[in-house]
Amino acid sequence: MINTLKTIIKENIDNFPRTVELAKVNQKKNFKTSDLGWVWAVVKPLLYIVIFYTAIVLGIRGQR
């Protein structure tokens, strides 16, 4: 089991540049049609965090 884990970690380190390149291509493909482009990749998760935080604070904790 330890040898398998070592092999997996080694392969991930060896293929890191390829993984980064695939991630870049995927990001470009996903946000190519968006008007905001790569900015939307940052804004969208932040927007979700704000919405969920507000829902939890006002919805759950606000009923005390």
PDB file of N, CA and C in Angstrom:
ATOM      1  N   MET A   1       0.826  -1.189   0.000  1.00  0.00           N
ATOM      2  CA  MET A   1       0.000   0.000   0.000  1.00  0.00           C
ATOM      3  C   MET A   1       0.877   1.263   0.000  1.00  0.00           C
ATOM      4  N   ILE A   2       1.927   1.265   0.773  1.00  0.00           N
ATOM      5  CA  ILE A   2       2.826   2.416   0.822  1.00  0.00           C
ATOM      6  C   ILE A   2       3.497   2.619  -0.538  1.00  0.00           C
ATOM      7  N   ASN A   3       3.902   1.516  -1.183  1.00  0.00           N
ATOM      8  CA  ASN A   3       4.535   1.622  -2.503  1.00  0.00           C
ATOM      9  C   ASN A   3       3.576   2.205  -3.530  1.00  0.00           C
ATOM     10  N   THR A   4       2.326   1.804  -3.446  1.00  0.00           N
ATOM     11  CA  THR A   4       1.324   2.332  -4.366  1.00  0.00           C
ATOM     12  C   THR A   4       1.144   3.833  -4.149  1.00  0.00           C
ATOM     13  N   LEU A   5       1.088   4.240  -2.892  1.00  0.00           N
ATOM     14  CA  LEU A   5       0.943   5.654  -2.573  1.00  0.00           C
ATOM     15  C   LEU A   5       2.146   6.453  -3.065  1.00  0.00           C
ATOM     16  N   LYS A   6       3.338   5.907  -2.888  1.00  0.00           N
ATOM     17  CA  LYS A   6       4.548   6.569  -3.378  1.00  0.00           C
ATOM     18  C   LYS A   6       4.510   6.707  -4.900  1.00  0.00           C
ATOM     19  N   THR A   7       4.053   5.668  -5.575  1.00  0.00           N
ATOM     20  CA  THR A   7       3.967   5.701  -7.039  1.00  0.00           C
ATOM     21  C   THR A   7       2.986   6.770  -7.505  1.00  0.00           C
ATOM     22  N   ILE A   8       1.848   6.849  -6.838  1.00  0.00           N
ATOM     23  CA  ILE A   8       0.839   7.840  -7.208  1.00  0.00           C
ATOM     24  C   ILE A   8       1.386   9.253  -7.012  1.00  0.00           C
ATOM     25  N   ILE A   9       2.032   9.500  -5.892  1.00  0.00           N
ATOM     26  CA  ILE A   9       2.587  10.821  -5.614  1.00  0.00           C
ATOM     27  C   ILE A   9       3.672  11.165  -6.625  1.00  0.00           C
ATOM     28  N   LYS A  10       4.541  10.203  -6.941  1.00  0.00           N
ATOM     29  CA  LYS A  10       5.610  10.431  -7.913  1.00  0.00           C
ATOM     30  C   LYS A  10       5.046  10.762  -9.287  1.00  0.00           C
ATOM     31  N   GLU A  11       4.028  10.026  -9.716  1.00  0.00           N
ATOM     32  CA  GLU A  11       3.415  10.286 -11.020  1.00  0.00           C
ATOM     33  C   GLU A  11       2.743  11.651 -11.062  1.00  0.00           C
ATOM     34  N   ASN A  12       2.113  12.049  -9.949  1.00  0.00           N
ATOM     35  CA  ASN A  12       1.496  13.374  -9.904  1.00  0.00           C
ATOM     36  C   ASN A  12       2.542  14.474  -9.993  1.00  0.00           C
ATOM     37  N   ILE A  13       3.662  14.294  -9.333  1.00  0.00           N
ATOM     38  CA  ILE A  13       4.733  15.290  -9.395  1.00  0.00           C
ATOM     39  C   ILE A  13       5.335  15.328 -10.795  1.00  0.00           C
ATOM     40  N   ASP A  14       5.578  14.166 -11.375  1.00  0.00           N
ATOM     41  CA  ASP A  14       6.159  14.106 -12.719  1.00  0.00           C
ATOM     42  C   ASP A  14       5.246  14.723 -13.778  1.00  0.00           C
ATOM     43  N   ASN A  15       3.944  14.570 -13.611  1.00  0.00           N
ATOM     44  CA  ASN A  15       2.986  15.050 -14.605  1.00  0.00           C
ATOM     45  C   ASN A  15       2.365  16.396 -14.246  1.00  0.00           C
ATOM     46  N   PHE A  16       2.926  17.085 -13.255  1.00  0.00           N
ATOM     47  CA  PHE A  16       2.365  18.367 -12.821  1.00  0.00           C
ATOM     48  C   PHE A  16       2.282  19.391 -13.951  1.00  0.00           C
ATOM     49  N   PRO A  17       3.338  19.570 -14.763  1.00  0.00           N
ATOM     50  CA  PRO A  17       3.217  20.544 -15.866  1.00  0.00           C
ATOM     51  C   PRO A  17       2.090  20.205 -16.840  1.00  0.00           C
ATOM     52  N   ARG A  18       1.905  18.952 -17.118  1.00  0.00           N
ATOM     53  CA  ARG A  18       0.822  18.530 -18.016  1.00  0.00           C
ATOM     54  C   ARG A  18      -0.544  18.815 -17.385  1.00  0.00           C
ATOM     55  N   THR A  19      -0.651  18.589 -16.080  1.00  0.00           N
ATOM     56  CA  THR A  19      -1.900  18.849 -15.372  1.00  0.00           C
ATOM     57  C   THR A  19      -2.244  20.336 -15.391  1.00  0.00           C
ATOM     58  N   VAL A  20      -1.239  21.175 -15.176  1.00  0.00           N
ATOM     59  CA  VAL A  20      -1.456  22.623 -15.203  1.00  0.00           C
ATOM     60  C   VAL A  20      -1.894  23.068 -16.592  1.00  0.00           C
ATOM     61  N   GLU A  21      -1.264  22.539 -17.615  1.00  0.00           N
ATOM     62  CA  GLU A  21      -1.622  22.905 -18.989  1.00  0.00           C
ATOM     63  C   GLU A  21      -3.059  22.485 -19.308  1.00  0.00           C
ATOM     64  N   LEU A  22      -3.453  21.285 -18.884  1.00  0.00           N
ATOM     65  CA  LEU A  22      -4.830  20.834 -19.100  1.00  0.00           C
ATOM     66  C   LEU A  22      -5.824  21.715 -18.347  1.00  0.00           C
ATOM     67  N   ALA A  23      -5.464  22.143 -17.145  1.00  0.00           N
ATOM     68  CA  ALA A  23      -6.342  23.016 -16.375  1.00  0.00           C
ATOM     69  C   ALA A  23      -6.508  24.366 -17.060  1.00  0.00           C
ATOM     70  N   LYS A  24      -5.417  24.902 -17.628  1.00  0.00           N
ATOM     71  CA  LYS A  24      -5.494  26.181 -18.341  1.00  0.00           C
ATOM     72  C   LYS A  24      -6.409  26.073 -19.554  1.00  0.00           C
ATOM     73  N   VAL A  25      -6.246  25.008 -20.313  1.00  0.00           N
ATOM     74  CA  VAL A  25      -7.078  24.805 -21.505  1.00  0.00           C
ATOM     75  C   VAL A  25      -8.544  24.673 -21.111  1.00  0.00           C
ATOM     76  N   ASN A  26      -8.800  23.957 -20.031  1.00  0.00           N
ATOM     77  CA  ASN A  26     -10.174  23.769 -19.568  1.00  0.00           C
ATOM     78  C   ASN A  26     -10.788  25.093 -19.118  1.00  0.00           C
ATOM     79  N   GLN A  27     -10.027  25.904 -18.406  1.00  0.00           N
ATOM     80  CA  GLN A  27     -10.525  27.206 -17.968  1.00  0.00           C
ATOM     81  C   GLN A  27     -10.836  28.104 -19.168  1.00  0.00           C
ATOM     82  N   LYS A  28      -9.947  28.116 -20.145  1.00  0.00           N
ATOM     83  CA  LYS A  28     -10.190  28.930 -21.335  1.00  0.00           C
ATOM     84  C   LYS A  28     -11.445  28.478 -22.059  1.00  0.00           C
ATOM     85  N   LYS A  29     -11.634  27.162 -22.152  1.00  0.00           N
ATOM     86  CA  LYS A  29     -12.799  26.624 -22.836  1.00  0.00           C
ATOM     87  C   LYS A  29     -14.087  26.964 -22.081  1.00  0.00           C
ATOM     88  N   ASN A  30     -14.056  26.849 -20.764  1.00  0.00           N
ATOM     89  CA  ASN A  30     -15.265  27.088 -19.971  1.00  0.00           C
ATOM     90  C   ASN A  30     -15.696  28.545 -19.974  1.00  0.00           C
ATOM     91  N   PHE A  31     -14.760  29.465 -19.963  1.00  0.00           N
ATOM     92  CA  PHE A  31     -15.104  30.872 -19.818  1.00  0.00           C
ATOM     93  C   PHE A  31     -14.915  31.674 -21.097  1.00  0.00           C
ATOM     94  N   LYS A  32     -14.710  30.999 -22.230  1.00  0.00           N
ATOM     95  CA  LYS A  32     -14.516  31.681 -23.505  1.00  0.00           C
ATOM     96  C   LYS A  32     -15.777  32.447 -23.921  1.00  0.00           C
ATOM     97  N   THR A  33     -16.940  31.878 -23.671  1.00  0.00           N
ATOM     98  CA  THR A  33     -18.188  32.508 -24.106  1.00  0.00           C
ATOM     99  C   THR A  33     -18.722  33.511 -23.088  1.00  0.00           C
ATOM    100  N   SER A  34     -18.132  33.571 -21.919  1.00  0.00           N
ATOM    101  CA  SER A  34     -18.585  34.510 -20.902  1.00  0.00           C
ATOM    102  C   SER A  34     -18.128  35.923 -21.243  1.00  0.00           C
ATOM    103  N   ASP A  35     -18.989  36.886 -20.976  1.00  0.00           N
ATOM    104  CA  ASP A  35     -18.639  38.284 -21.255  1.00  0.00           C
ATOM    105  C   ASP A  35     -17.491  38.764 -20.375  1.00  0.00           C
ATOM    106  N   LEU A  36     -17.430  38.282 -19.157  1.00  0.00           N
ATOM    107  CA  LEU A  36     -16.383  38.707 -18.236  1.00  0.00           C
ATOM    108  C   LEU A  36     -15.105  37.883 -18.360  1.00  0.00           C
ATOM    109  N   GLY A  37     -15.184  36.757 -19.037  1.00  0.00           N
ATOM    110  CA  GLY A  37     -14.000  35.933 -19.251  1.00  0.00           C
ATOM    111  C   GLY A  37     -13.449  35.343 -17.966  1.00  0.00           C
ATOM    112  N   TRP A  38     -12.142  35.459 -17.788  1.00  0.00           N
ATOM    113  CA  TRP A  38     -11.485  34.836 -16.633  1.00  0.00           C
ATOM    114  C   TRP A  38     -11.883  35.497 -15.316  1.00  0.00           C
ATOM    115  N   VAL A  39     -12.372  36.733 -15.368  1.00  0.00           N
ATOM    116  CA  VAL A  39     -12.815  37.404 -14.139  1.00  0.00           C
ATOM    117  C   VAL A  39     -13.983  36.640 -13.523  1.00  0.00           C
ATOM    118  N   TRP A  40     -14.826  36.070 -14.364  1.00  0.00           N
ATOM    119  CA  TRP A  40     -15.977  35.316 -13.889  1.00  0.00           C
ATOM    120  C   TRP A  40     -15.536  34.080 -13.104  1.00  0.00           C
ATOM    121  N   ALA A  41     -14.373  33.541 -13.407  1.00  0.00           N
ATOM    122  CA  ALA A  41     -13.854  32.379 -12.675  1.00  0.00           C
ATOM    123  C   ALA A  41     -13.565  32.741 -11.223  1.00  0.00           C
ATOM    124  N   VAL A  42     -13.305  34.000 -10.950  1.00  0.00           N
ATOM    125  CA  VAL A  42     -13.058  34.455  -9.579  1.00  0.00           C
ATOM    126  C   VAL A  42     -14.340  34.976  -8.946  1.00  0.00           C
ATOM    127  N   VAL A  43     -15.127  35.717  -9.717  1.00  0.00           N
ATOM    128  CA  VAL A  43     -16.330  36.349  -9.181  1.00  0.00           C
ATOM    129  C   VAL A  43     -17.389  35.310  -8.809  1.00  0.00           C
ATOM    130  N   LYS A  44     -17.563  34.310  -9.625  1.00  0.00           N
ATOM    131  CA  LYS A  44     -18.625  33.323  -9.399  1.00  0.00           C
ATOM    132  C   LYS A  44     -18.471  32.595  -8.058  1.00  0.00           C
ATOM    133  N   PRO A  45     -17.298  32.033  -7.722  1.00  0.00           N
ATOM    134  CA  PRO A  45     -17.175  31.392  -6.404  1.00  0.00           C
ATOM    135  C   PRO A  45     -17.353  32.380  -5.246  1.00  0.00           C
ATOM    136  N   LEU A  46     -16.841  33.608  -5.403  1.00  0.00           N
ATOM    137  CA  LEU A  46     -17.025  34.606  -4.349  1.00  0.00           C
ATOM    138  C   LEU A  46     -18.499  34.941  -4.167  1.00  0.00           C
ATOM    139  N   LEU A  47     -19.224  35.007  -5.259  1.00  0.00           N
ATOM    140  CA  LEU A  47     -20.653  35.273  -5.197  1.00  0.00           C
ATOM    141  C   LEU A  47     -21.389  34.154  -4.463  1.00  0.00           C
ATOM    142  N   TYR A  48     -21.038  32.916  -4.744  1.00  0.00           N
ATOM    143  CA  TYR A  48     -21.635  31.783  -4.043  1.00  0.00           C
ATOM    144  C   TYR A  48     -21.342  31.846  -2.547  1.00  0.00           C
ATOM    145  N   ILE A  49     -20.121  32.182  -2.179  1.00  0.00           N
ATOM    146  CA  ILE A  49     -19.757  32.257  -0.767  1.00  0.00           C
ATOM    147  C   ILE A  49     -20.591  33.321  -0.064  1.00  0.00           C
ATOM    148  N   VAL A  50     -20.727  34.483  -0.680  1.00  0.00           N
ATOM    149  CA  VAL A  50     -21.511  35.566  -0.080  1.00  0.00           C
ATOM    150  C   VAL A  50     -22.973  35.160   0.065  1.00  0.00           C
ATOM    151  N   ILE A  51     -23.528  34.525  -0.944  1.00  0.00           N
ATOM    152  CA  ILE A  51     -24.933  34.113  -0.885  1.00  0.00           C
ATOM    153  C   ILE A  51     -25.154  33.071   0.201  1.00  0.00           C
ATOM    154  N   PHE A  52     -24.299  32.054   0.253  1.00  0.00           N
ATOM    155  CA  PHE A  52     -24.453  31.018   1.274  1.00  0.00           C
ATOM    156  C   PHE A  52     -24.239  31.580   2.675  1.00  0.00           C
ATOM    157  N   TYR A  53     -23.249  32.442   2.841  1.00  0.00           N
ATOM    158  CA  TYR A  53     -22.995  33.044   4.142  1.00  0.00           C
ATOM    159  C   TYR A  53     -24.195  33.868   4.597  1.00  0.00           C
ATOM    160  N   THR A  54     -24.739  34.663   3.690  1.00  0.00           N
ATOM    161  CA  THR A  54     -25.899  35.488   4.025  1.00  0.00           C
ATOM    162  C   THR A  54     -27.100  34.615   4.378  1.00  0.00           C
ATOM    163  N   ALA A  55     -27.311  33.555   3.624  1.00  0.00           N
ATOM    164  CA  ALA A  55     -28.443  32.658   3.906  1.00  0.00           C
ATOM    165  C   ALA A  55     -28.302  31.997   5.262  1.00  0.00           C
ATOM    166  N   ILE A  56     -27.098  31.605   5.607  1.00  0.00           N
ATOM    167  CA  ILE A  56     -26.889  30.940   6.896  1.00  0.00           C
ATOM    168  C   ILE A  56     -27.042  31.934   8.036  1.00  0.00           C
ATOM    169  N   VAL A  57     -26.431  33.098   7.900  1.00  0.00           N
ATOM    170  CA  VAL A  57     -26.486  34.076   8.986  1.00  0.00           C
ATOM    171  C   VAL A  57     -27.896  34.601   9.177  1.00  0.00           C
ATOM    172  N   LEU A  58     -28.562  34.989   8.098  1.00  0.00           N
ATOM    173  CA  LEU A  58     -29.903  35.550   8.229  1.00  0.00           C
ATOM    174  C   LEU A  58     -30.988  34.477   8.384  1.00  0.00           C
ATOM    175  N   GLY A  59     -30.793  33.353   7.713  1.00  0.00           N
ATOM    176  CA  GLY A  59     -31.816  32.302   7.744  1.00  0.00           C
ATOM    177  C   GLY A  59     -31.803  31.457   9.002  1.00  0.00           C
ATOM    178  N   ILE A  60     -30.664  30.919   9.336  1.00  0.00           N
ATOM    179  CA  ILE A  60     -30.581  29.988  10.453  1.00  0.00           C
ATOM    180  C   ILE A  60     -30.372  30.723  11.761  1.00  0.00           C
ATOM    181  N   ARG A  61     -29.382  31.576  11.816  1.00  0.00           N
ATOM    182  CA  ARG A  61     -29.049  32.267  13.062  1.00  0.00           C
ATOM    183  C   ARG A  61     -29.981  33.435  13.337  1.00  0.00           C
ATOM    184  N   GLY A  62     -30.636  33.937  12.334  1.00  0.00           N
ATOM    185  CA  GLY A  62     -31.517  35.083  12.516  1.00  0.00           C
ATOM    186  C   GLY A  62     -32.822  34.751  13.218  1.00  0.00           C
ATOM    187  N   GLN A  63     -33.141  33.481  13.413  1.00  0.00           N
ATOM    188  CA  GLN A  63     -34.397  33.079  14.027  1.00  0.00           C
ATOM    189  C   GLN A  63     -34.319  32.993  15.549  1.00  0.00           C
ATOM    190  N   ARG A  64     -33.179  33.304  16.141  1.00  0.00           N
ATOM    191  CA  ARG A  64     -33.045  33.220  17.606  1.00  0.00           C
ATOM    192  C   ARG A  64     -33.816  34.293  18.297  1.00  0.00           C
TER     193      ARG A  64
END
